[in-house]
Amino acid sequence: MATFTQLPSGNWRVQVRRNNRYVAETFRRRKDGEEWALDVERNIDRSGSPKPRAAVKAKTFGDIIDLHI
């Protein structure tokens, strides 16, 4: 189950703890966090490992193209 905490900046911190796994991310909108949390929980249940947001790792335009393909 996910925990949602509103930060003083107005952003939302979402923490997922499931099957001895812990993952946390920060979002501007709570709805984005809810969708992410649901996806992470499903991922942990299926494969046993959480998947970080891939867009955070994109540093160059080429990385963005690789994400699309």
Protein backbone atom coordinates (compact mmCIF):
# COMPACT_ATOMS: atom_id res chain seq x y z
CA MET A 1 0.00 0.00 0.00
CA ALA A 2 1.26 3.47 -0.83
CA THR A 3 1.69 6.38 1.56
CA PHE A 4 1.02 9.92 0.30
CA THR A 5 2.53 12.93 2.07
CA GLN A 6 2.08 16.52 0.95
CA LEU A 7 5.32 18.48 1.22
CA PRO A 8 5.54 22.18 2.18
CA SER A 9 6.31 22.95 -1.48
CA GLY A 10 2.91 21.56 -2.48
CA ASN A 11 4.39 18.48 -4.14
CA TRP A 12 3.44 14.95 -3.10
CA ARG A 13 5.88 12.36 -1.83
CA VAL A 14 4.73 8.81 -2.56
CA GLN A 15 6.26 5.84 -0.75
CA VAL A 16 5.56 2.22 -1.61
CA ARG A 17 6.53 -0.57 0.77
CA ARG A 18 5.65 -4.05 -0.42
CA ASN A 19 7.25 -7.49 0.02
CA ASN A 20 10.29 -5.99 1.80
CA ARG A 21 10.84 -3.52 -1.07
CA TYR A 22 10.86 0.26 -0.66
CA VAL A 23 10.52 2.86 -3.41
CA ALA A 24 9.77 6.58 -3.16
CA GLU A 25 9.21 9.37 -5.69
CA THR A 26 8.00 12.96 -5.63
CA PHE A 27 5.21 14.28 -7.86
CA ARG A 28 3.54 17.61 -8.50
CA ARG A 29 0.05 16.09 -8.62
CA ARG A 30 -1.35 13.43 -6.30
CA LYS A 31 -3.09 11.69 -9.20
CA ASP A 32 0.27 11.14 -10.93
CA GLY A 33 1.59 9.63 -7.71
CA GLU A 34 -1.41 7.33 -7.37
CA GLU A 35 -0.93 6.00 -10.90
CA TRP A 36 2.80 5.51 -10.33
CA ALA A 37 2.21 3.74 -7.00
CA LEU A 38 -0.29 1.34 -8.57
CA ASP A 39 2.16 0.54 -11.38
CA VAL A 40 5.04 -0.04 -8.93
CA GLU A 41 2.93 -2.28 -6.70
CA ARG A 42 1.93 -4.38 -9.71
CA ASN A 43 5.54 -4.55 -10.85
CA ILE A 44 6.72 -5.74 -7.45
CA ASP A 45 4.00 -8.39 -7.35
CA ARG A 46 4.89 -9.68 -10.83
CA SER A 47 8.67 -9.55 -10.99
CA GLY A 48 9.71 -8.88 -7.41
CA SER A 49 11.64 -5.71 -8.18
CA PRO A 50 10.46 -2.11 -8.40
CA LYS A 51 11.10 -0.21 -11.61
CA PRO A 52 12.31 3.41 -11.25
CA ARG A 53 10.87 6.11 -13.46
CA ALA A 54 12.78 5.88 -16.75
CA ALA A 55 12.26 9.54 -17.62
CA VAL A 56 14.44 10.61 -14.68
CA LYS A 57 17.41 8.85 -16.27
CA ALA A 58 17.00 10.62 -19.61
CA LYS A 59 19.78 13.20 -19.80
CA THR A 60 20.09 13.78 -23.53
CA PHE A 61 17.78 13.95 -26.52
CA GLY A 62 19.13 10.58 -27.65
CA ASP A 63 18.02 9.04 -24.34
CA ILE A 64 14.50 10.35 -24.91
CA ILE A 65 14.45 8.80 -28.38
CA ASP A 66 15.63 5.48 -26.90
CA LEU A 67 12.76 5.60 -24.40
CA HIS A 68 10.29 6.10 -27.23
CA ILE A 69 11.63 3.22 -29.32
